[in-house]
Amino acid sequence: MHVDSHFPIVKEPTVKIKSTVSDYAKLPLRMAGDSKDYLYNVYSNEYRKAGGDKGGLVARGKASVTTSLVVTSELLAWLGSYLGKKKEQAKDAANDKANN
């Protein structure tokens, strides 16, 4: 059993290995930053739509509720498309096994 056959990255130069490990380690922070920016942009847009130029508490409440609804609906749409693809793949695999 050879290590390089199970872990092909071992054959890469050390600089590339360090870079790859560093990228994976920083991924959660990068994703958190992207998510924060996305939520802030959605909230800002909804605040503006709710009359945020007047600066009222009602506008902030509407923007908060609408932001959560927008993000939830987008997440559910993404999840539905992802699961739909997996369902088709599973159906194709089952048909292939049934035919063979």
PDB file of N, CA and C in Angstrom:
ATOM      1  N   MET A   1       0.851  -1.161   0.000  1.00  0.00           N
ATOM      2  CA  MET A   1       0.000   0.000   0.000  1.00  0.00           C
ATOM      3  C   MET A   1       0.908   1.238   0.000  1.00  0.00           C
ATOM      4  N   HIS A   2       0.757   2.046  -1.035  1.00  0.00           N
ATOM      5  CA  HIS A   2       1.587   3.234  -1.186  1.00  0.00           C
ATOM      6  C   HIS A   2       0.808   4.478  -0.789  1.00  0.00           C
ATOM      7  N   VAL A   3       1.478   5.324  -0.052  1.00  0.00           N
ATOM      8  CA  VAL A   3       0.839   6.551   0.416  1.00  0.00           C
ATOM      9  C   VAL A   3       0.477   7.447  -0.760  1.00  0.00           C
ATOM     10  N   ASP A   4       1.370   7.540  -1.735  1.00  0.00           N
ATOM     11  CA  ASP A   4       1.111   8.457  -2.847  1.00  0.00           C
ATOM     12  C   ASP A   4      -0.035   8.000  -3.738  1.00  0.00           C
ATOM     13  N   SER A   5      -0.405   6.724  -3.704  1.00  0.00           N
ATOM     14  CA  SER A   5      -1.566   6.293  -4.488  1.00  0.00           C
ATOM     15  C   SER A   5      -2.867   6.655  -3.785  1.00  0.00           C
ATOM     16  N   HIS A   6      -2.869   6.711  -2.458  1.00  0.00           N
ATOM     17  CA  HIS A   6      -4.061   7.083  -1.695  1.00  0.00           C
ATOM     18  C   HIS A   6      -4.171   8.591  -1.514  1.00  0.00           C
ATOM     19  N   PHE A   7      -3.046   9.273  -1.451  1.00  0.00           N
ATOM     20  CA  PHE A   7      -3.006  10.718  -1.253  1.00  0.00           C
ATOM     21  C   PHE A   7      -2.129  11.336  -2.341  1.00  0.00           C
ATOM     22  N   PRO A   8      -2.682  11.563  -3.531  1.00  0.00           N
ATOM     23  CA  PRO A   8      -1.873  12.051  -4.648  1.00  0.00           C
ATOM     24  C   PRO A   8      -1.249  13.429  -4.412  1.00  0.00           C
ATOM     25  N   ILE A   9      -1.766  14.184  -3.457  1.00  0.00           N
ATOM     26  CA  ILE A   9      -1.197  15.505  -3.196  1.00  0.00           C
ATOM     27  C   ILE A   9       0.227  15.398  -2.662  1.00  0.00           C
ATOM     28  N   VAL A  10       0.607  14.242  -2.130  1.00  0.00           N
ATOM     29  CA  VAL A  10       1.951  14.057  -1.580  1.00  0.00           C
ATOM     30  C   VAL A  10       3.013  14.250  -2.666  1.00  0.00           C
ATOM     31  N   LYS A  11       2.658  13.996  -3.910  1.00  0.00           N
ATOM     32  CA  LYS A  11       3.605  14.141  -5.027  1.00  0.00           C
ATOM     33  C   LYS A  11       3.833  15.606  -5.394  1.00  0.00           C
ATOM     34  N   GLU A  12       2.955  16.500  -4.938  1.00  0.00           N
ATOM     35  CA  GLU A  12       3.049  17.914  -5.283  1.00  0.00           C
ATOM     36  C   GLU A  12       4.178  18.596  -4.518  1.00  0.00           C
ATOM     37  N   PRO A  13       4.642  19.741  -5.026  1.00  0.00           N
ATOM     38  CA  PRO A  13       5.674  20.501  -4.297  1.00  0.00           C
ATOM     39  C   PRO A  13       5.138  21.003  -2.948  1.00  0.00           C
ATOM     40  N   THR A  14       6.027  21.204  -2.014  1.00  0.00           N
ATOM     41  CA  THR A  14       5.649  21.614  -0.668  1.00  0.00           C
ATOM     42  C   THR A  14       4.875  22.932  -0.664  1.00  0.00           C
ATOM     43  N   VAL A  15       5.256  23.848  -1.514  1.00  0.00           N
ATOM     44  CA  VAL A  15       4.580  25.144  -1.575  1.00  0.00           C
ATOM     45  C   VAL A  15       3.112  24.963  -1.949  1.00  0.00           C
ATOM     46  N   LYS A  16       2.843  24.084  -2.898  1.00  0.00           N
ATOM     47  CA  LYS A  16       1.459  23.850  -3.309  1.00  0.00           C
ATOM     48  C   LYS A  16       0.676  23.156  -2.190  1.00  0.00           C
ATOM     49  N   ILE A  17       1.299  22.243  -1.492  1.00  0.00           N
ATOM     50  CA  ILE A  17       0.629  21.556  -0.376  1.00  0.00           C
ATOM     51  C   ILE A  17       0.267  22.567   0.709  1.00  0.00           C
ATOM     52  N   LYS A  18       1.218  23.451   1.056  1.00  0.00           N
ATOM     53  CA  LYS A  18       0.941  24.471   2.068  1.00  0.00           C
ATOM     54  C   LYS A  18      -0.202  25.378   1.627  1.00  0.00           C
ATOM     55  N   SER A  19      -0.186  25.759   0.369  1.00  0.00           N
ATOM     56  CA  SER A  19      -1.224  26.637  -0.159  1.00  0.00           C
ATOM     57  C   SER A  19      -2.593  25.966  -0.110  1.00  0.00           C
ATOM     58  N   THR A  20      -2.646  24.692  -0.487  1.00  0.00           N
ATOM     59  CA  THR A  20      -3.904  23.947  -0.482  1.00  0.00           C
ATOM     60  C   THR A  20      -4.444  23.796   0.934  1.00  0.00           C
ATOM     61  N   VAL A  21      -3.582  23.429   1.866  1.00  0.00           N
ATOM     62  CA  VAL A  21      -4.001  23.270   3.266  1.00  0.00           C
ATOM     63  C   VAL A  21      -4.473  24.614   3.821  1.00  0.00           C
ATOM     64  N   SER A  22      -3.756  25.675   3.503  1.00  0.00           N
ATOM     65  CA  SER A  22      -4.136  27.012   3.968  1.00  0.00           C
ATOM     66  C   SER A  22      -5.490  27.421   3.403  1.00  0.00           C
ATOM     67  N   ASP A  23      -5.734  27.144   2.118  1.00  0.00           N
ATOM     68  CA  ASP A  23      -7.029  27.470   1.504  1.00  0.00           C
ATOM     69  C   ASP A  23      -8.167  26.722   2.187  1.00  0.00           C
ATOM     70  N   TYR A  24      -7.956  25.444   2.473  1.00  0.00           N
ATOM     71  CA  TYR A  24      -9.003  24.662   3.155  1.00  0.00           C
ATOM     72  C   TYR A  24      -9.230  25.171   4.582  1.00  0.00           C
ATOM     73  N   ALA A  25      -8.157  25.572   5.256  1.00  0.00           N
ATOM     74  CA  ALA A  25      -8.288  26.056   6.628  1.00  0.00           C
ATOM     75  C   ALA A  25      -9.034  27.390   6.675  1.00  0.00           C
ATOM     76  N   LYS A  26      -8.844  28.221   5.663  1.00  0.00           N
ATOM     77  CA  LYS A  26      -9.478  29.539   5.636  1.00  0.00           C
ATOM     78  C   LYS A  26     -10.875  29.521   5.024  1.00  0.00           C
ATOM     79  N   LEU A  27     -11.296  28.408   4.483  1.00  0.00           N
ATOM     80  CA  LEU A  27     -12.599  28.326   3.823  1.00  0.00           C
ATOM     81  C   LEU A  27     -13.761  28.726   4.726  1.00  0.00           C
ATOM     82  N   PRO A  28     -13.850  28.239   5.961  1.00  0.00           N
ATOM     83  CA  PRO A  28     -14.979  28.664   6.811  1.00  0.00           C
ATOM     84  C   PRO A  28     -15.028  30.176   7.044  1.00  0.00           C
ATOM     85  N   LEU A  29     -13.874  30.797   7.234  1.00  0.00           N
ATOM     86  CA  LEU A  29     -13.841  32.249   7.433  1.00  0.00           C
ATOM     87  C   LEU A  29     -14.265  32.990   6.175  1.00  0.00           C
ATOM     88  N   ARG A  30     -13.812  32.504   5.031  1.00  0.00           N
ATOM     89  CA  ARG A  30     -14.169  33.137   3.764  1.00  0.00           C
ATOM     90  C   ARG A  30     -15.666  33.011   3.507  1.00  0.00           C
ATOM     91  N   MET A  31     -16.207  31.824   3.788  1.00  0.00           N
ATOM     92  CA  MET A  31     -17.645  31.617   3.585  1.00  0.00           C
ATOM     93  C   MET A  31     -18.463  32.457   4.557  1.00  0.00           C
ATOM     94  N   ALA A  32     -18.003  32.589   5.786  1.00  0.00           N
ATOM     95  CA  ALA A  32     -18.715  33.412   6.767  1.00  0.00           C
ATOM     96  C   ALA A  32     -18.721  34.870   6.325  1.00  0.00           C
ATOM     97  N   GLY A  33     -17.607  35.340   5.806  1.00  0.00           N
ATOM     98  CA  GLY A  33     -17.536  36.718   5.311  1.00  0.00           C
ATOM     99  C   GLY A  33     -18.460  36.935   4.133  1.00  0.00           C
ATOM    100  N   ASP A  34     -18.485  35.970   3.211  1.00  0.00           N
ATOM    101  CA  ASP A  34     -19.375  36.077   2.049  1.00  0.00           C
ATOM    102  C   ASP A  34     -20.836  36.066   2.479  1.00  0.00           C
ATOM    103  N   SER A  35     -21.158  35.208   3.435  1.00  0.00           N
ATOM    104  CA  SER A  35     -22.539  35.116   3.928  1.00  0.00           C
ATOM    105  C   SER A  35     -22.950  36.405   4.624  1.00  0.00           C
ATOM    106  N   LYS A  36     -22.049  36.966   5.406  1.00  0.00           N
ATOM    107  CA  LYS A  36     -22.338  38.219   6.101  1.00  0.00           C
ATOM    108  C   LYS A  36     -22.603  39.337   5.097  1.00  0.00           C
ATOM    109  N   ASP A  37     -21.769  39.415   4.061  1.00  0.00           N
ATOM    110  CA  ASP A  37     -21.961  40.437   3.032  1.00  0.00           C
ATOM    111  C   ASP A  37     -23.290  40.247   2.317  1.00  0.00           C
ATOM    112  N   TYR A  38     -23.619  38.995   1.998  1.00  0.00           N
ATOM    113  CA  TYR A  38     -24.876  38.694   1.313  1.00  0.00           C
ATOM    114  C   TYR A  38     -26.074  39.111   2.174  1.00  0.00           C
ATOM    115  N   LEU A  39     -26.055  38.726   3.444  1.00  0.00           N
ATOM    116  CA  LEU A  39     -27.160  39.090   4.346  1.00  0.00           C
ATOM    117  C   LEU A  39     -27.276  40.603   4.502  1.00  0.00           C
ATOM    118  N   TYR A  40     -26.158  41.277   4.610  1.00  0.00           N
ATOM    119  CA  TYR A  40     -26.187  42.728   4.746  1.00  0.00           C
ATOM    120  C   TYR A  40     -26.784  43.378   3.500  1.00  0.00           C
ATOM    121  N   ASN A  41     -26.411  42.882   2.316  1.00  0.00           N
ATOM    122  CA  ASN A  41     -26.957  43.437   1.073  1.00  0.00           C
ATOM    123  C   ASN A  41     -28.458  43.199   0.961  1.00  0.00           C
ATOM    124  N   VAL A  42     -28.903  41.996   1.300  1.00  0.00           N
ATOM    125  CA  VAL A  42     -30.340  41.701   1.250  1.00  0.00           C
ATOM    126  C   VAL A  42     -31.080  42.592   2.240  1.00  0.00           C
ATOM    127  N   TYR A  43     -30.556  42.705   3.458  1.00  0.00           N
ATOM    128  CA  TYR A  43     -31.199  43.549   4.476  1.00  0.00           C
ATOM    129  C   TYR A  43     -31.257  45.003   4.014  1.00  0.00           C
ATOM    130  N   SER A  44     -30.149  45.501   3.454  1.00  0.00           N
ATOM    131  CA  SER A  44     -30.117  46.891   2.986  1.00  0.00           C
ATOM    132  C   SER A  44     -31.165  47.143   1.919  1.00  0.00           C
ATOM    133  N   ASN A  45     -31.285  46.227   0.978  1.00  0.00           N
ATOM    134  CA  ASN A  45     -32.292  46.366  -0.085  1.00  0.00           C
ATOM    135  C   ASN A  45     -33.701  46.351   0.498  1.00  0.00           C
ATOM    136  N   GLU A  46     -33.961  45.437   1.406  1.00  0.00           N
ATOM    137  CA  GLU A  46     -35.291  45.339   2.000  1.00  0.00           C
ATOM    138  C   GLU A  46     -35.588  46.550   2.894  1.00  0.00           C
ATOM    139  N   TYR A  47     -34.581  47.059   3.570  1.00  0.00           N
ATOM    140  CA  TYR A  47     -34.755  48.249   4.409  1.00  0.00           C
ATOM    141  C   TYR A  47     -35.129  49.456   3.547  1.00  0.00           C
ATOM    142  N   ARG A  48     -34.450  49.579   2.418  1.00  0.00           N
ATOM    143  CA  ARG A  48     -34.750  50.665   1.489  1.00  0.00           C
ATOM    144  C   ARG A  48     -36.174  50.546   0.960  1.00  0.00           C
ATOM    145  N   LYS A  49     -36.580  49.322   0.600  1.00  0.00           N
ATOM    146  CA  LYS A  49     -37.932  49.089   0.077  1.00  0.00           C
ATOM    147  C   LYS A  49     -39.000  49.376   1.127  1.00  0.00           C
ATOM    148  N   ALA A  50     -38.674  49.141   2.392  1.00  0.00           N
ATOM    149  CA  ALA A  50     -39.646  49.320   3.477  1.00  0.00           C
ATOM    150  C   ALA A  50     -39.719  50.766   3.955  1.00  0.00           C
ATOM    151  N   GLY A  51     -39.037  51.661   3.274  1.00  0.00           N
ATOM    152  CA  GLY A  51     -39.079  53.067   3.678  1.00  0.00           C
ATOM    153  C   GLY A  51     -38.012  53.401   4.684  1.00  0.00           C
ATOM    154  N   GLY A  52     -36.881  52.804   4.556  1.00  0.00           N
ATOM    155  CA  GLY A  52     -35.787  53.007   5.509  1.00  0.00           C
ATOM    156  C   GLY A  52     -35.225  54.411   5.507  1.00  0.00           C
ATOM    157  N   ASP A  53     -35.514  55.188   4.463  1.00  0.00           N
ATOM    158  CA  ASP A  53     -35.008  56.559   4.428  1.00  0.00           C
ATOM    159  C   ASP A  53     -35.629  57.408   5.537  1.00  0.00           C
ATOM    160  N   LYS A  54     -36.768  56.968   6.061  1.00  0.00           N
ATOM    161  CA  LYS A  54     -37.405  57.675   7.170  1.00  0.00           C
ATOM    162  C   LYS A  54     -36.833  57.224   8.515  1.00  0.00           C
ATOM    163  N   GLY A  55     -36.142  56.093   8.518  1.00  0.00           N
ATOM    164  CA  GLY A  55     -35.431  55.622   9.701  1.00  0.00           C
ATOM    165  C   GLY A  55     -36.307  55.113  10.835  1.00  0.00           C
ATOM    166  N   GLY A  56     -37.454  54.586  10.525  1.00  0.00           N
ATOM    167  CA  GLY A  56     -38.357  54.126  11.570  1.00  0.00           C
ATOM    168  C   GLY A  56     -38.095  52.714  12.038  1.00  0.00           C
ATOM    169  N   LEU A  57     -38.629  52.435  13.207  1.00  0.00           N
ATOM    170  CA  LEU A  57     -38.512  51.106  13.786  1.00  0.00           C
ATOM    171  C   LEU A  57     -39.328  50.088  12.980  1.00  0.00           C
ATOM    172  N   VAL A  58     -40.453  50.511  12.446  1.00  0.00           N
ATOM    173  CA  VAL A  58     -41.295  49.614  11.644  1.00  0.00           C
ATOM    174  C   VAL A  58     -40.552  49.180  10.380  1.00  0.00           C
ATOM    175  N   ALA A  59     -39.826  50.106   9.752  1.00  0.00           N
ATOM    176  CA  ALA A  59     -39.057  49.766   8.554  1.00  0.00           C
ATOM    177  C   ALA A  59     -37.982  48.730   8.876  1.00  0.00           C
ATOM    178  N   ARG A  60     -37.358  48.864  10.028  1.00  0.00           N
ATOM    179  CA  ARG A  60     -36.333  47.895  10.433  1.00  0.00           C
ATOM    180  C   ARG A  60     -36.946  46.521  10.679  1.00  0.00           C
ATOM    181  N   GLY A  61     -38.109  46.506  11.328  1.00  0.00           N
ATOM    182  CA  GLY A  61     -38.790  45.239  11.580  1.00  0.00           C
ATOM    183  C   GLY A  61     -39.216  44.557  10.295  1.00  0.00           C
ATOM    184  N   LYS A  62     -39.799  45.346   9.380  1.00  0.00           N
ATOM    185  CA  LYS A  62     -40.207  44.787   8.082  1.00  0.00           C
ATOM    186  C   LYS A  62     -38.997  44.247   7.330  1.00  0.00           C
ATOM    187  N   ALA A  63     -37.917  45.010   7.331  1.00  0.00           N
ATOM    188  CA  ALA A  63     -36.707  44.580   6.621  1.00  0.00           C
ATOM    189  C   ALA A  63     -36.148  43.298   7.223  1.00  0.00           C
ATOM    190  N   SER A  64     -36.182  43.174   8.542  1.00  0.00           N
ATOM    191  CA  SER A  64     -35.667  41.963   9.197  1.00  0.00           C
ATOM    192  C   SER A  64     -36.500  40.739   8.825  1.00  0.00           C
ATOM    193  N   VAL A  65     -37.822  40.882   8.908  1.00  0.00           N
ATOM    194  CA  VAL A  65     -38.701  39.759   8.582  1.00  0.00           C
ATOM    195  C   VAL A  65     -38.585  39.394   7.106  1.00  0.00           C
ATOM    196  N   THR A  66     -38.589  40.389   6.239  1.00  0.00           N
ATOM    197  CA  THR A  66     -38.505  40.132   4.803  1.00  0.00           C
ATOM    198  C   THR A  66     -37.164  39.508   4.433  1.00  0.00           C
ATOM    199  N   THR A  67     -36.093  39.956   5.083  1.00  0.00           N
ATOM    200  CA  THR A  67     -34.771  39.377   4.817  1.00  0.00           C
ATOM    201  C   THR A  67     -34.764  37.890   5.159  1.00  0.00           C
ATOM    202  N   SER A  68     -35.328  37.544   6.298  1.00  0.00           N
ATOM    203  CA  SER A  68     -35.349  36.122   6.672  1.00  0.00           C
ATOM    204  C   SER A  68     -36.196  35.316   5.690  1.00  0.00           C
ATOM    205  N   LEU A  69     -37.294  35.884   5.213  1.00  0.00           N
ATOM    206  CA  LEU A  69     -38.127  35.171   4.240  1.00  0.00           C
ATOM    207  C   LEU A  69     -37.409  35.009   2.895  1.00  0.00           C
ATOM    208  N   VAL A  70     -36.716  36.057   2.460  1.00  0.00           N
ATOM    209  CA  VAL A  70     -35.990  35.987   1.186  1.00  0.00           C
ATOM    210  C   VAL A  70     -34.887  34.937   1.258  1.00  0.00           C
ATOM    211  N   VAL A  71     -34.109  34.977   2.332  1.00  0.00           N
ATOM    212  CA  VAL A  71     -32.990  34.029   2.471  1.00  0.00           C
ATOM    213  C   VAL A  71     -33.517  32.600   2.586  1.00  0.00           C
ATOM    214  N   THR A  72     -34.592  32.405   3.329  1.00  0.00           N
ATOM    215  CA  THR A  72     -35.171  31.065   3.472  1.00  0.00           C
ATOM    216  C   THR A  72     -35.699  30.554   2.149  1.00  0.00           C
ATOM    217  N   SER A  73     -36.378  31.405   1.387  1.00  0.00           N
ATOM    218  CA  SER A  73     -36.915  30.949   0.103  1.00  0.00           C
ATOM    219  C   SER A  73     -35.798  30.619  -0.883  1.00  0.00           C
ATOM    220  N   GLU A  74     -34.729  31.411  -0.872  1.00  0.00           N
ATOM    221  CA  GLU A  74     -33.596  31.102  -1.756  1.00  0.00           C
ATOM    222  C   GLU A  74     -32.911  29.803  -1.341  1.00  0.00           C
ATOM    223  N   LEU A  75     -32.772  29.593  -0.042  1.00  0.00           N
ATOM    224  CA  LEU A  75     -32.166  28.352   0.443  1.00  0.00           C
ATOM    225  C   LEU A  75     -33.012  27.140   0.064  1.00  0.00           C
ATOM    226  N   LEU A  76     -34.330  27.248   0.222  1.00  0.00           N
ATOM    227  CA  LEU A  76     -35.211  26.139  -0.132  1.00  0.00           C
ATOM    228  C   LEU A  76     -35.215  25.874  -1.634  1.00  0.00           C
ATOM    229  N   ALA A  77     -35.130  26.932  -2.438  1.00  0.00           N
ATOM    230  CA  ALA A  77     -35.057  26.753  -3.890  1.00  0.00           C
ATOM    231  C   ALA A  77     -33.768  26.029  -4.271  1.00  0.00           C
ATOM    232  N   TRP A  78     -32.651  26.425  -3.654  1.00  0.00           N
ATOM    233  CA  TRP A  78     -31.382  25.754  -3.938  1.00  0.00           C
ATOM    234  C   TRP A  78     -31.440  24.298  -3.497  1.00  0.00           C
ATOM    235  N   LEU A  79     -31.973  24.053  -2.302  1.00  0.00           N
ATOM    236  CA  LEU A  79     -32.069  22.690  -1.787  1.00  0.00           C
ATOM    237  C   LEU A  79     -32.957  21.825  -2.679  1.00  0.00           C
ATOM    238  N   GLY A  80     -34.064  22.394  -3.152  1.00  0.00           N
ATOM    239  CA  GLY A  80     -34.953  21.654  -4.047  1.00  0.00           C
ATOM    240  C   GLY A  80     -34.278  21.285  -5.357  1.00  0.00           C
ATOM    241  N   SER A  81     -33.517  22.214  -5.922  1.00  0.00           N
ATOM    242  CA  SER A  81     -32.827  21.898  -7.174  1.00  0.00           C
ATOM    243  C   SER A  81     -31.737  20.853  -6.945  1.00  0.00           C
ATOM    244  N   TYR A  82     -31.046  20.941  -5.810  1.00  0.00           N
ATOM    245  CA  TYR A  82     -29.998  19.964  -5.491  1.00  0.00           C
ATOM    246  C   TYR A  82     -30.591  18.579  -5.296  1.00  0.00           C
ATOM    247  N   LEU A  83     -31.657  18.497  -4.517  1.00  0.00           N
ATOM    248  CA  LEU A  83     -32.276  17.198  -4.260  1.00  0.00           C
ATOM    249  C   LEU A  83     -32.942  16.643  -5.510  1.00  0.00           C
ATOM    250  N   GLY A  84     -33.458  17.520  -6.364  1.00  0.00           N
ATOM    251  CA  GLY A  84     -34.050  17.062  -7.629  1.00  0.00           C
ATOM    252  C   GLY A  84     -33.019  16.374  -8.510  1.00  0.00           C
ATOM    253  N   LYS A  85     -31.819  16.945  -8.553  1.00  0.00           N
ATOM    254  CA  LYS A  85     -30.733  16.335  -9.335  1.00  0.00           C
ATOM    255  C   LYS A  85     -30.354  14.978  -8.754  1.00  0.00           C
ATOM    256  N   LYS A  86     -30.260  14.917  -7.428  1.00  0.00           N
ATOM    257  CA  LYS A  86     -29.897  13.649  -6.772  1.00  0.00           C
ATOM    258  C   LYS A  86     -30.981  12.599  -6.977  1.00  0.00           C
ATOM    259  N   LYS A  87     -32.235  13.026  -6.991  1.00  0.00           N
ATOM    260  CA  LYS A  87     -33.332  12.088  -7.209  1.00  0.00           C
ATOM    261  C   LYS A  87     -33.238  11.491  -8.608  1.00  0.00           C
ATOM    262  N   GLU A  88     -32.941  12.330  -9.592  1.00  0.00           N
ATOM    263  CA  GLU A  88     -32.790  11.840 -10.966  1.00  0.00           C
ATOM    264  C   GLU A  88     -31.604  10.877 -11.074  1.00  0.00           C
ATOM    265  N   GLN A  89     -30.501  11.210 -10.409  1.00  0.00           N
ATOM    266  CA  GLN A  89     -29.336  10.325 -10.432  1.00  0.00           C
ATOM    267  C   GLN A  89     -29.667   8.982  -9.795  1.00  0.00           C
ATOM    268  N   ALA A  90     -30.395   9.000  -8.696  1.00  0.00           N
ATOM    269  CA  ALA A  90     -30.768   7.760  -8.016  1.00  0.00           C
ATOM    270  C   ALA A  90     -31.713   6.941  -8.881  1.00  0.00           C
ATOM    271  N   LYS A  91     -32.641   7.609  -9.556  1.00  0.00           N
ATOM    272  CA  LYS A  91     -33.585   6.908 -10.427  1.00  0.00           C
ATOM    273  C   LYS A  91     -32.850   6.245 -11.590  1.00  0.00           C
ATOM    274  N   ASP A  92     -31.888   6.989 -12.180  1.00  0.00           N
ATOM    275  CA  ASP A  92     -31.099   6.430 -13.280  1.00  0.00           C
ATOM    276  C   ASP A  92     -30.272   5.236 -12.807  1.00  0.00           C
ATOM    277  N   ALA A  93     -29.672   5.350 -11.630  1.00  0.00           N
ATOM    278  CA  ALA A  93     -28.878   4.245 -11.104  1.00  0.00           C
ATOM    279  C   ALA A  93     -29.748   3.021 -10.824  1.00  0.00           C
ATOM    280  N   ALA A  94     -30.941   3.231 -10.309  1.00  0.00           N
ATOM    281  CA  ALA A  94     -31.843   2.117 -10.046  1.00  0.00           C
ATOM    282  C   ALA A  94     -32.290   1.453 -11.345  1.00  0.00           C
ATOM    283  N   ASN A  95     -32.556   2.271 -12.369  1.00  0.00           N
ATOM    284  CA  ASN A  95     -32.945   1.706 -13.661  1.00  0.00           C
ATOM    285  C   ASN A  95     -31.800   0.918 -14.296  1.00  0.00           C
ATOM    286  N   ASP A  96     -30.579   1.425 -14.161  1.00  0.00           N
ATOM    287  CA  ASP A  96     -29.427   0.712 -14.702  1.00  0.00           C
ATOM    288  C   ASP A  96     -29.239  -0.640 -14.001  1.00  0.00           C
ATOM    289  N   LYS A  97     -29.410  -0.655 -12.692  1.00  0.00           N
ATOM    290  CA  LYS A  97     -29.270  -1.923 -11.949  1.00  0.00           C
ATOM    291  C   LYS A  97     -30.388  -2.888 -12.304  1.00  0.00           C
ATOM    292  N   ALA A  98     -31.580  -2.373 -12.512  1.00  0.00           N
ATOM    293  CA  ALA A  98     -32.714  -3.217 -12.843  1.00  0.00           C
ATOM    294  C   ALA A  98     -32.537  -3.827 -14.234  1.00  0.00           C
ATOM    295  N   ASN A  99     -31.944  -3.076 -15.152  1.00  0.00           N
ATOM    296  CA  ASN A  99     -31.756  -3.554 -16.528  1.00  0.00           C
ATOM    297  C   ASN A  99     -30.594  -4.505 -16.652  1.00  0.00           C
ATOM    298  N   ASN A 100     -29.675  -4.481 -15.730  1.00  0.00           N
ATOM    299  CA  ASN A 100     -28.506  -5.372 -15.821  1.00  0.00           C
ATOM    300  C   ASN A 100     -28.647  -6.570 -14.978  1.00  0.00           C
TER     301      ASN A 100
END
